[in-house]
Amino acid sequence: MVFSSLEFIFIFLPVFMIAYALSKKEYRNFVLLAGGIIAGYVVFHELGYTKLWQIALFVLTVLFYFWKANSSSRIEYQNLIIFTGSVIFYSLGVKKPIYILLFLLTNLLNYIVAQFIENSRHAKKPWLLFGVIFNFWWLIFFKYWSFGTENINALFHTSLTVKDIILPIGISFYTFQNVSYIADVYKGKAKAEKNFINYGAYISMFPQLIAGPIVTYDHVAKELRNRRHTMKNVEDGLKTFTIGLGYKVLIANQIGGLWSDISMIGYESISSRLAWMGIFAYSFQLYFDFCGYSLMAIGLGKLMGFNLPRNFDHPYLSLTMTEFWRRWHMTLGTWFKDYIYIPLGGNRKGKAALIRNTFAVWLFTGLWHGASWNFVLWGLVLYAIIMSEKYWTGKVLNKIKPLGHAYMILIIPLTWLIFAITDFHELGIYFRRLLPFLPQKTYAILDKDYVKYWGIYWKYFLAGIIFSTKLPQKLYKKMKRSPFTAIVLLAVFWASVYCMYKGLDDPFMYFRF
């Protein structure tokens, strides 16, 4: 299930918010009964659980929730609803039922490990090490095992079995949150959460579970225990969600059609101008897809009383790649800085250590995005660009702003091209199409093909350019409470619903990470 779907908007979200709002004790049995029926449908119908022990476990779980809901405070009850609803949300997206058990086991183990870290005098580091290994073992197994085995076979001419392992959705994001939590408890930055329901609500909170933003425990610790629900927050949340929905459905999905069309044609058969149009289209698609998801997550968080961190700050207005990565997927950048770069020593041990630690961050950044050599290359290219800006070009680009913008207009789509195409042969073909002065093989190329596609997609390029700037945000802040803004957002919402109804929707691109 995705946010940009009719099932989520008109079924899951209303049911969840009704259950969430009915926090008075006289309503709780009704809510839990309805939740039990829904959970039973998911477990027995969608997941096919038919064994006796599984049925018994499910019944015991429902009974526990009945007891817990009636004995808890309003906030704890709402956290229980978040935890339960998020697990149901997650279960509707995973392809194997065992992944739900893995997800719950991971939550439980990190909750317990944090208690041991906080209460141990002499074994804090071993418990931290155990927790980190446990978390990253599953990420390595599911995301990188096949990739590693294939490369070992190719390098050493072995015949190790390569299993087709399906990546559990969201594992990269919830792994990072679990690791940041136990690390913060170890450093004394956060207190270990004593209530498992609260911890489960933090990790599994469905707005940010699948694709971020990556939320550290200290960011929401106070709100897990005490948060205010106001009509202003509800209004702001719905508006932010609608803006994100429009970004995803009306811009990202539409302009992404050009990249799909080019992939269907074949890179060898497109003109140079269409090739450039294609990588600009992909750049806009990736931005509005992921930024749209993040805005929807922030909006949903507001509906529940949480202020989730911002993930994007108009990155395409940057003057350097260094600045770009401070503005793009900001919670991931902060995570790498706080939990890899600084623990390695940051820039405190001289120039050589800075170069080494920055290299480690960008190698991990590339690998985090995917188990493929193109992601490794992409990370290393970004590392080389950023280091050259630090010691050579950065001052000039920041000082002469037109030059900085021109530089970024060229370099952003070129780096996203390495990100987008996993096959190096196909990547080479596309680069030759972009740069026609390079040696070319003989292909049938339609030199005027860009005319047709520009006629179809020009309006989405225009929307991408406008909404990449700060102008729409400034206008929105000035007119946020006006009836005109409400009418425009209603139009955006129903236009998005129409596109979803017509099947003009795609999964979020970052789901595969």
Protein backbone atom coordinates (compact mmCIF):
# COMPACT_ATOMS: atom_id res chain seq x y z
CA MET A 1 0.00 0.00 0.00
CA VAL A 2 1.28 3.46 -0.89
CA PHE A 3 0.13 6.93 0.13
CA SER A 4 -0.76 7.81 -3.45
CA SER A 5 -3.44 5.13 -3.74
CA LEU A 6 -7.22 5.21 -3.46
CA GLU A 7 -7.12 2.37 -0.90
CA PHE A 8 -4.88 4.37 1.43
CA ILE A 9 -6.66 7.72 1.08
CA PHE A 10 -10.26 6.50 1.24
CA ILE A 11 -10.01 3.33 3.37
CA PHE A 12 -6.89 2.92 5.49
CA LEU A 13 -6.33 6.55 6.53
CA PRO A 14 -9.95 7.33 7.54
CA VAL A 15 -10.26 4.06 9.52
CA PHE A 16 -6.92 4.69 11.22
CA MET A 17 -7.73 8.30 12.12
CA ILE A 18 -11.15 7.36 13.52
CA ALA A 19 -9.52 4.71 15.73
CA TYR A 20 -6.83 7.22 16.70
CA ALA A 21 -9.35 9.94 17.58
CA LEU A 22 -11.61 7.68 19.68
CA SER A 23 -9.28 7.67 22.67
CA LYS A 24 -11.91 7.89 25.41
CA LYS A 25 -12.20 4.63 27.36
CA GLU A 26 -15.85 4.02 26.45
CA TYR A 27 -14.86 3.81 22.76
CA ARG A 28 -11.78 1.63 23.11
CA ASN A 29 -13.42 -1.81 23.09
CA PHE A 30 -15.25 -0.91 19.90
CA VAL A 31 -12.03 0.29 18.27
CA LEU A 32 -10.10 -2.79 19.33
CA LEU A 33 -12.86 -5.10 18.12
CA ALA A 34 -12.86 -3.41 14.72
CA GLY A 35 -9.06 -3.52 14.67
CA GLY A 36 -9.11 -7.21 15.55
CA ILE A 37 -11.45 -7.94 12.65
CA ILE A 38 -9.22 -6.01 10.23
CA ALA A 39 -6.07 -7.65 11.57
CA GLY A 40 -7.74 -11.06 11.35
CA TYR A 41 -8.59 -10.43 7.71
CA VAL A 42 -5.00 -9.43 6.96
CA VAL A 43 -3.52 -12.39 8.82
CA PHE A 44 -5.83 -15.14 7.61
CA HIS A 45 -6.74 -13.94 4.13
CA GLU A 46 -3.88 -11.82 2.82
CA LEU A 47 -1.03 -13.69 4.52
CA GLY A 48 -2.54 -17.16 4.50
CA TYR A 49 -1.87 -18.01 8.16
CA THR A 50 -3.78 -21.24 8.77
CA LYS A 51 -1.65 -23.20 11.26
CA LEU A 52 -3.08 -23.73 14.75
CA TRP A 53 -0.14 -22.14 16.58
CA GLN A 54 -0.38 -19.06 14.43
CA ILE A 55 -4.10 -18.71 15.13
CA ALA A 56 -3.46 -19.11 18.87
CA LEU A 57 -0.71 -16.49 18.74
CA PHE A 58 -3.01 -14.09 16.92
CA VAL A 59 -5.84 -14.59 19.47
CA LEU A 60 -3.48 -14.04 22.39
CA THR A 61 -2.17 -10.87 20.75
CA VAL A 62 -5.70 -9.49 20.31
CA LEU A 63 -6.53 -10.30 23.95
CA PHE A 64 -3.34 -8.51 25.04
CA TYR A 65 -4.31 -5.44 23.06
CA PHE A 66 -7.79 -5.41 24.64
CA TRP A 67 -6.22 -5.48 28.09
CA LYS A 68 -3.51 -2.96 27.24
CA ALA A 69 -5.88 -0.50 25.59
CA ASN A 70 -8.22 -0.43 28.58
CA SER A 71 -5.44 -0.02 31.13
CA SER A 72 -3.44 2.70 29.40
CA SER A 73 -3.52 6.49 29.28
CA ARG A 74 -4.86 8.40 26.28
CA ILE A 75 -1.38 8.96 24.80
CA GLU A 76 -0.34 5.35 25.39
CA TYR A 77 -3.57 4.17 23.77
CA GLN A 78 -2.89 6.39 20.74
CA ASN A 79 0.65 5.03 20.55
CA LEU A 80 -0.83 1.53 20.63
CA ILE A 81 -3.08 2.47 17.70
CA ILE A 82 -0.05 3.86 15.83
CA PHE A 83 1.91 0.66 16.48
CA THR A 84 -0.96 -1.65 15.51
CA GLY A 85 -2.06 0.38 12.49
CA SER A 86 1.51 0.69 11.25
CA VAL A 87 2.13 -3.05 11.47
CA ILE A 88 -1.08 -3.63 9.48
CA PHE A 89 0.05 -0.99 6.97
CA TYR A 90 3.44 -2.69 6.69
CA SER A 91 1.89 -6.15 6.31
CA LEU A 92 -0.12 -4.96 3.30
CA GLY A 93 3.10 -4.06 1.49
CA VAL A 94 5.45 -6.95 2.24
CA LYS A 95 5.64 -9.96 -0.07
CA LYS A 96 6.47 -12.55 2.58
CA PRO A 97 4.64 -12.89 5.93
CA ILE A 98 7.89 -13.84 7.70
CA TYR A 99 9.13 -10.29 7.11
CA ILE A 100 6.47 -9.00 9.52
CA LEU A 101 7.84 -11.28 12.25
CA LEU A 102 11.38 -10.13 11.42
CA PHE A 103 10.27 -6.51 11.71
CA LEU A 104 8.62 -7.10 15.11
CA LEU A 105 11.58 -9.18 16.35
CA THR A 106 13.97 -6.39 15.35
CA ASN A 107 11.90 -3.85 17.27
CA LEU A 108 11.79 -6.06 20.37
CA LEU A 109 15.50 -6.88 20.34
CA ASN A 110 16.58 -3.24 19.98
CA TYR A 111 14.19 -2.26 22.76
CA ILE A 112 15.81 -4.87 25.04
CA VAL A 113 19.40 -4.07 23.96
CA ALA A 114 18.88 -0.40 24.85
CA GLN A 115 17.80 -1.41 28.36
CA PHE A 116 20.98 -3.46 28.81
CA ILE A 117 23.15 -0.66 27.45
CA GLU A 118 21.64 1.86 29.85
CA ASN A 119 21.75 -0.42 32.91
CA SER A 120 25.16 -2.04 32.35
CA ARG A 121 28.26 -0.64 33.99
CA HIS A 122 30.94 -2.59 32.18
CA ALA A 123 29.20 -4.17 29.17
CA LYS A 124 27.79 -1.13 27.38
CA LYS A 125 30.09 -1.43 24.36
CA PRO A 126 29.56 -5.22 23.86
CA TRP A 127 25.80 -4.71 23.94
CA LEU A 128 26.07 -1.85 21.46
CA LEU A 129 28.27 -3.97 19.19
CA PHE A 130 25.80 -6.85 19.40
CA GLY A 131 22.90 -4.54 18.47
CA VAL A 132 24.75 -2.98 15.55
CA ILE A 133 25.81 -6.39 14.19
CA PHE A 134 22.30 -7.79 14.57
CA ASN A 135 20.71 -4.87 12.73
CA PHE A 136 23.23 -4.66 9.90
CA TRP A 137 23.40 -8.44 9.46
CA TRP A 138 19.81 -8.48 8.23
CA LEU A 139 20.37 -5.48 5.98
CA ILE A 140 23.52 -7.07 4.51
CA PHE A 141 21.80 -10.43 4.05
CA PHE A 142 18.71 -9.16 2.28
CA LYS A 143 20.26 -6.29 0.33
CA TYR A 144 23.82 -7.36 -0.47
CA TRP A 145 24.09 -11.16 -0.17
CA SER A 146 23.23 -11.93 -3.79
CA PHE A 147 25.40 -9.06 -5.03
CA GLY A 148 28.38 -10.26 -2.97
CA THR A 149 27.95 -13.89 -4.02
CA GLU A 150 27.73 -13.01 -7.71
CA ASN A 151 30.94 -10.98 -7.51
CA ILE A 152 32.79 -13.69 -5.58
CA ASN A 153 31.78 -16.20 -8.26
CA ALA A 154 32.94 -13.87 -11.01
CA LEU A 155 36.24 -13.02 -9.30
CA PHE A 156 37.29 -16.47 -8.07
CA HIS A 157 35.42 -18.62 -10.63
CA THR A 158 33.48 -20.36 -7.87
CA SER A 159 29.92 -21.65 -8.08
CA LEU A 160 28.37 -20.43 -4.86
CA THR A 161 24.59 -20.60 -4.87
CA VAL A 162 22.94 -17.27 -5.55
CA LYS A 163 19.46 -17.14 -4.05
CA ASP A 164 16.79 -14.78 -5.30
CA ILE A 165 16.27 -12.83 -2.08
CA ILE A 166 13.37 -10.39 -1.93
CA LEU A 167 14.27 -7.18 -0.12
CA PRO A 168 11.88 -6.43 2.79
CA ILE A 169 10.31 -3.06 2.13
CA GLY A 170 11.68 -0.23 4.28
CA ILE A 171 14.49 -2.30 5.85
CA SER A 172 17.16 0.32 5.11
CA PHE A 173 15.17 3.01 6.90
CA TYR A 174 14.09 1.13 10.00
CA THR A 175 17.57 -0.39 10.36
CA PHE A 176 19.11 3.07 10.47
CA GLN A 177 16.56 4.25 13.05
CA ASN A 178 17.17 1.24 15.30
CA VAL A 179 20.93 1.70 15.11
CA SER A 180 20.70 5.44 15.81
CA TYR A 181 18.51 4.70 18.86
CA ILE A 182 20.86 2.24 20.57
CA ALA A 183 23.87 4.43 19.66
CA ASP A 184 22.21 7.48 21.24
CA VAL A 185 21.41 5.48 24.39
CA TYR A 186 25.06 4.37 24.51
CA LYS A 187 26.30 7.96 24.16
CA GLY A 188 23.83 9.20 26.78
CA LYS A 189 22.09 11.40 24.21
CA ALA A 190 18.79 9.59 24.83
CA LYS A 191 17.22 7.63 27.67
CA ALA A 192 16.19 4.05 26.91
CA GLU A 193 12.43 3.85 26.31
CA LYS A 194 10.84 1.81 29.08
CA ASN A 195 7.51 1.30 27.32
CA PHE A 196 7.65 -1.14 24.40
CA ILE A 197 4.43 0.26 22.90
CA ASN A 198 6.01 3.72 22.74
CA TYR A 199 9.15 2.32 21.14
CA GLY A 200 7.10 0.30 18.66
CA ALA A 201 5.16 3.44 17.73
CA TYR A 202 8.42 5.31 17.14
CA ILE A 203 10.00 2.71 14.87
CA SER A 204 6.90 1.54 13.03
CA MET A 205 5.12 4.91 12.58
CA PHE A 206 3.70 4.32 9.10
CA PRO A 207 4.19 7.84 7.67
CA GLN A 208 8.00 7.44 7.76
CA LEU A 209 8.36 3.64 7.96
CA ILE A 210 8.86 2.82 4.29
CA ALA A 211 10.98 5.67 2.90
CA GLY A 212 11.77 8.11 5.67
CA PRO A 213 12.46 10.79 6.65
CA ILE A 214 14.89 9.04 9.00
CA VAL A 215 13.75 10.11 12.48
CA THR A 216 16.07 9.85 15.49
CA TYR A 217 14.49 8.94 18.82
CA ASP A 218 15.38 12.22 20.53
CA HIS A 219 13.43 14.09 17.85
CA VAL A 220 10.10 12.53 18.89
CA ALA A 221 10.76 11.33 22.47
CA LYS A 222 8.74 14.15 24.08
CA GLU A 223 5.89 13.82 21.61
CA LEU A 224 5.61 10.08 22.30
CA ARG A 225 4.63 10.99 25.87
CA ASN A 226 2.80 14.27 25.44
CA ARG A 227 1.54 15.88 22.26
CA ARG A 228 -1.20 18.33 21.40
CA HIS A 229 -3.88 17.77 18.81
CA THR A 230 -5.37 20.95 17.37
CA MET A 231 -7.50 21.76 14.35
CA LYS A 232 -4.66 23.95 13.10
CA ASN A 233 -2.33 20.92 13.07
CA VAL A 234 -4.98 18.86 11.28
CA GLU A 235 -5.48 21.60 8.68
CA ASP A 236 -1.72 22.04 8.17
CA GLY A 237 -1.24 18.27 7.96
CA LEU A 238 -3.93 17.83 5.31
CA LYS A 239 -2.55 20.72 3.27
CA THR A 240 1.03 19.42 3.45
CA PHE A 241 -0.15 15.93 2.51
CA THR A 242 -2.05 17.33 -0.49
CA ILE A 243 0.98 19.28 -1.71
CA GLY A 244 3.10 16.12 -1.50
CA LEU A 245 0.40 14.14 -3.29
CA GLY A 246 0.38 16.69 -6.10
CA TYR A 247 4.18 16.58 -6.36
CA LYS A 248 4.05 12.81 -6.70
CA VAL A 249 1.02 12.24 -8.92
CA LEU A 250 0.78 15.41 -11.00
CA ILE A 251 4.48 16.13 -11.57
CA ALA A 252 6.74 13.14 -10.83
CA ASN A 253 4.55 10.47 -12.41
CA GLN A 254 3.74 12.57 -15.45
CA ILE A 255 7.26 13.76 -16.31
CA GLY A 256 8.58 10.27 -15.49
CA GLY A 257 6.66 9.07 -18.53
CA LEU A 258 9.37 10.57 -20.75
CA TRP A 259 12.10 8.50 -19.08
CA SER A 260 9.91 5.39 -19.52
CA ASP A 261 9.33 6.24 -23.18
CA ILE A 262 13.07 6.62 -23.81
CA SER A 263 13.78 3.31 -22.08
CA MET A 264 11.20 1.63 -24.33
CA ILE A 265 12.70 3.18 -27.48
CA GLY A 266 16.25 2.14 -26.54
CA TYR A 267 19.08 4.52 -25.70
CA GLU A 268 20.90 3.72 -28.94
CA SER A 269 18.06 5.11 -31.07
CA ILE A 270 17.48 8.53 -29.51
CA SER A 271 18.90 11.87 -30.55
CA SER A 272 21.24 13.93 -28.43
CA ARG A 273 18.54 16.49 -27.64
CA LEU A 274 16.07 13.81 -26.53
CA ALA A 275 18.80 12.23 -24.40
CA TRP A 276 19.28 15.52 -22.55
CA MET A 277 15.53 15.92 -22.16
CA GLY A 278 15.43 12.41 -20.73
CA ILE A 279 17.95 12.96 -17.95
CA PHE A 280 16.38 16.28 -16.98
CA ALA A 281 13.02 14.49 -16.85
CA TYR A 282 14.50 11.78 -14.63
CA SER A 283 16.03 14.43 -12.35
CA PHE A 284 12.65 16.11 -11.88
CA GLN A 285 10.89 12.77 -11.45
CA LEU A 286 13.27 11.63 -8.71
CA TYR A 287 13.03 14.93 -6.83
CA PHE A 288 9.26 15.33 -6.90
CA ASP A 289 8.71 11.63 -6.20
CA PHE A 290 10.84 11.57 -3.06
CA CYS A 291 10.10 15.13 -1.92
CA GLY A 292 6.41 14.40 -2.45
CA TYR A 293 6.64 11.30 -0.26
CA SER A 294 8.47 13.23 2.46
CA LEU A 295 5.85 16.00 2.44
CA MET A 296 3.06 13.43 2.70
CA ALA A 297 4.88 11.78 5.62
CA ILE A 298 5.27 15.15 7.37
CA GLY A 299 1.59 15.94 6.78
CA LEU A 300 0.46 12.58 8.18
CA GLY A 301 2.75 13.11 11.17
CA LYS A 302 1.02 16.43 11.88
CA LEU A 303 -2.36 14.68 11.85
CA MET A 304 -1.10 12.53 14.72
CA GLY A 305 0.59 15.38 16.58
CA PHE A 306 4.21 14.71 15.50
CA ASN A 307 6.60 17.17 13.87
CA LEU A 308 8.68 15.00 11.57
CA PRO A 309 11.92 16.55 10.25
CA ARG A 310 12.10 18.23 6.86
CA ASN A 311 13.92 16.18 4.24
CA PHE A 312 14.40 18.64 1.35
CA ASP A 313 15.33 22.31 1.10
CA HIS A 314 15.11 23.22 -2.60
CA PRO A 315 18.28 21.28 -3.54
CA TYR A 316 18.14 22.21 -7.22
CA LEU A 317 18.90 25.83 -6.29
CA SER A 318 22.32 24.83 -4.95
CA LEU A 319 25.56 26.35 -6.24
CA THR A 320 27.74 23.31 -5.51
CA MET A 321 27.30 19.56 -5.06
CA THR A 322 28.39 20.01 -1.45
CA GLU A 323 25.47 22.37 -0.85
CA PHE A 324 23.16 20.09 -2.84
CA TRP A 325 23.75 17.18 -0.46
CA ARG A 326 23.07 19.39 2.53
CA ARG A 327 19.65 20.11 1.00
CA TRP A 328 18.77 16.67 -0.47
CA HIS A 329 17.54 13.82 1.77
CA MET A 330 18.76 15.83 4.74
CA THR A 331 17.93 13.20 7.36
CA LEU A 332 20.11 10.62 5.59
CA GLY A 333 22.99 13.10 5.37
CA THR A 334 22.61 13.89 9.07
CA TRP A 335 22.59 10.17 9.91
CA PHE A 336 25.83 9.53 8.01
CA LYS A 337 27.45 12.57 9.63
CA ASP A 338 26.40 11.66 13.19
CA TYR A 339 26.90 7.89 13.06
CA ILE A 340 29.75 7.35 10.57
CA TYR A 341 31.69 10.55 9.81
CA ILE A 342 31.99 11.90 13.39
CA PRO A 343 32.66 8.49 15.06
CA LEU A 344 35.47 7.94 12.52
CA GLY A 345 37.01 11.22 13.66
CA GLY A 346 35.43 13.70 11.25
CA ASN A 347 37.89 16.47 10.38
CA ARG A 348 39.49 16.59 13.85
CA LYS A 349 42.59 14.53 12.96
CA GLY A 350 43.95 16.39 9.99
CA LYS A 351 43.52 16.51 6.24
CA ALA A 352 44.31 12.83 5.60
CA ALA A 353 41.67 11.70 8.11
CA LEU A 354 39.11 14.09 6.60
CA ILE A 355 39.73 12.68 3.10
CA ARG A 356 39.50 9.11 4.42
CA ASN A 357 36.34 9.70 6.45
CA THR A 358 34.61 11.56 3.63
CA PHE A 359 35.48 8.68 1.31
CA ALA A 360 33.89 6.22 3.76
CA VAL A 361 30.70 8.29 3.94
CA TRP A 362 30.28 8.46 0.18
CA LEU A 363 31.12 4.80 -0.32
CA PHE A 364 28.43 3.92 2.23
CA THR A 365 26.03 6.41 0.62
CA GLY A 366 26.44 4.71 -2.75
CA LEU A 367 26.03 1.22 -1.31
CA TRP A 368 23.05 2.25 0.83
CA HIS A 369 21.14 3.20 -2.31
CA GLY A 370 21.60 -0.17 -3.95
CA ALA A 371 23.59 -3.37 -4.34
CA SER A 372 24.98 -2.62 -7.78
CA TRP A 373 28.29 -1.32 -9.11
CA ASN A 374 26.65 1.73 -10.65
CA PHE A 375 25.73 2.91 -7.13
CA VAL A 376 29.31 2.41 -5.98
CA LEU A 377 30.51 4.42 -9.00
CA TRP A 378 27.87 7.07 -8.30
CA GLY A 379 29.05 7.44 -4.69
CA LEU A 380 32.71 7.68 -5.73
CA VAL A 381 31.95 10.26 -8.43
CA LEU A 382 30.11 12.38 -5.87
CA TYR A 383 33.07 12.00 -3.50
CA ALA A 384 35.49 13.20 -6.19
CA ILE A 385 33.27 16.18 -7.08
CA ILE A 386 32.80 17.23 -3.45
CA MET A 387 36.50 16.95 -2.63
CA SER A 388 37.40 18.99 -5.71
CA GLU A 389 34.91 21.65 -4.56
CA LYS A 390 36.41 21.68 -1.07
CA TYR A 391 40.00 22.20 -2.21
CA TRP A 392 39.65 23.82 -5.62
CA THR A 393 36.39 24.95 -7.27
CA GLY A 394 34.01 25.55 -4.37
CA LYS A 395 35.02 29.10 -3.50
CA VAL A 396 34.69 30.27 -7.11
CA LEU A 397 31.30 28.58 -7.59
CA ASN A 398 29.91 30.07 -4.38
CA LYS A 399 31.24 33.52 -5.22
CA ILE A 400 30.07 33.67 -8.86
CA LYS A 401 26.46 32.52 -8.52
CA PRO A 402 25.53 32.36 -12.25
CA LEU A 403 28.54 30.08 -12.78
CA GLY A 404 27.51 27.94 -9.81
CA HIS A 405 23.96 27.52 -11.11
CA ALA A 406 25.17 26.71 -14.64
CA TYR A 407 27.59 24.14 -13.20
CA MET A 408 24.82 22.46 -11.19
CA ILE A 409 22.35 22.45 -14.09
CA LEU A 410 24.91 20.35 -15.97
CA ILE A 411 26.27 18.14 -13.20
CA ILE A 412 23.07 17.18 -11.37
CA PRO A 413 21.48 15.27 -14.28
CA LEU A 414 24.82 13.69 -15.23
CA THR A 415 25.26 12.23 -11.74
CA TRP A 416 21.61 11.07 -11.65
CA LEU A 417 22.26 9.25 -14.93
CA ILE A 418 24.86 7.06 -13.20
CA PHE A 419 22.28 6.53 -10.44
CA ALA A 420 19.49 5.59 -12.87
CA ILE A 421 21.16 3.08 -15.24
CA THR A 422 22.56 -0.05 -13.60
CA ASP A 423 24.04 -1.62 -16.75
CA PHE A 424 27.43 -0.08 -17.62
CA HIS A 425 27.07 -0.92 -21.32
CA GLU A 426 23.75 0.91 -21.50
CA LEU A 427 25.23 3.74 -19.44
CA GLY A 428 28.04 4.11 -21.99
CA ILE A 429 25.54 4.26 -24.85
CA TYR A 430 23.56 6.99 -23.10
CA PHE A 431 26.66 9.07 -22.41
CA ARG A 432 27.59 8.86 -26.09
CA ARG A 433 24.11 10.06 -26.97
CA LEU A 434 24.51 13.05 -24.64
CA LEU A 435 27.91 13.90 -26.12
CA PRO A 436 27.63 13.32 -29.89
CA PHE A 437 31.27 14.35 -30.48
CA LEU A 438 32.33 11.06 -28.83
CA PRO A 439 32.89 8.01 -31.08
CA GLN A 440 29.46 6.66 -32.04
CA LYS A 441 28.29 3.32 -33.34
CA THR A 442 25.94 3.35 -36.32
CA TYR A 443 22.30 3.32 -35.21
CA ALA A 444 19.04 4.44 -36.74
CA ILE A 445 18.46 7.77 -35.02
CA LEU A 446 15.48 10.07 -35.50
CA ASP A 447 17.05 13.53 -35.22
CA LYS A 448 13.69 15.28 -34.77
CA ASP A 449 12.32 12.88 -32.13
CA TYR A 450 12.65 15.51 -29.41
CA VAL A 451 10.00 17.67 -31.14
CA LYS A 452 7.27 15.09 -30.51
CA TYR A 453 8.19 14.53 -26.88
CA TRP A 454 8.66 18.21 -26.12
CA GLY A 455 5.13 18.79 -27.38
CA ILE A 456 3.86 16.19 -24.87
CA TYR A 457 6.01 16.98 -21.82
CA TRP A 458 6.84 20.71 -21.96
CA LYS A 459 4.15 21.60 -19.39
CA TYR A 460 5.61 19.13 -16.86
CA PHE A 461 9.09 20.55 -17.39
CA LEU A 462 7.68 24.02 -16.72
CA ALA A 463 5.97 22.79 -13.54
CA GLY A 464 9.20 21.07 -12.45
CA ILE A 465 11.22 24.25 -12.90
CA ILE A 466 8.71 26.46 -11.08
CA PHE A 467 8.20 24.12 -8.12
CA SER A 468 11.94 23.57 -7.73
CA THR A 469 12.25 27.24 -6.77
CA LYS A 470 11.21 28.96 -3.53
CA LEU A 471 8.50 31.06 -5.22
CA PRO A 472 5.58 28.61 -4.68
CA GLN A 473 6.56 28.13 -1.03
CA LYS A 474 6.72 31.90 -0.42
CA LEU A 475 3.28 32.39 -2.00
CA TYR A 476 1.89 29.47 0.02
CA LYS A 477 3.16 30.93 3.32
CA LYS A 478 1.54 34.31 2.55
CA MET A 479 -1.80 32.82 1.45
CA LYS A 480 -1.87 29.66 3.57
CA ARG A 481 -5.12 30.51 5.38
CA SER A 482 -6.93 32.08 2.44
CA PRO A 483 -10.01 30.47 0.78
CA PHE A 484 -8.19 30.66 -2.56
CA THR A 485 -5.44 28.34 -1.26
CA ALA A 486 -8.06 25.90 0.01
CA ILE A 487 -9.75 25.85 -3.42
CA VAL A 488 -6.43 25.31 -5.23
CA LEU A 489 -5.45 22.44 -2.90
CA LEU A 490 -8.89 20.85 -3.32
CA ALA A 491 -8.35 21.00 -7.08
CA VAL A 492 -4.88 19.43 -6.66
CA PHE A 493 -6.35 16.68 -4.46
CA TRP A 494 -9.17 15.72 -6.82
CA ALA A 495 -6.93 15.97 -9.89
CA SER A 496 -4.55 13.55 -8.14
CA VAL A 497 -7.45 11.23 -7.25
CA TYR A 498 -8.58 11.27 -10.89
CA CYS A 499 -5.09 10.31 -12.08
CA MET A 500 -4.93 7.49 -9.53
CA TYR A 501 -8.38 6.30 -10.60
CA LYS A 502 -7.25 6.26 -14.25
CA GLY A 503 -4.19 4.21 -13.27
CA LEU A 504 -1.73 7.05 -13.89
CA ASP A 505 0.32 6.25 -10.80
CA ASP A 506 3.58 4.46 -9.98
CA PRO A 507 5.20 3.16 -6.79
CA PHE A 508 7.53 5.54 -5.03
CA MET A 509 11.04 5.27 -6.47
CA TYR A 510 12.74 5.14 -3.06
CA PHE A 511 10.77 2.03 -2.01
CA ARG A 512 13.49 -0.11 -3.59
CA PHE A 513 16.12 1.31 -1.23
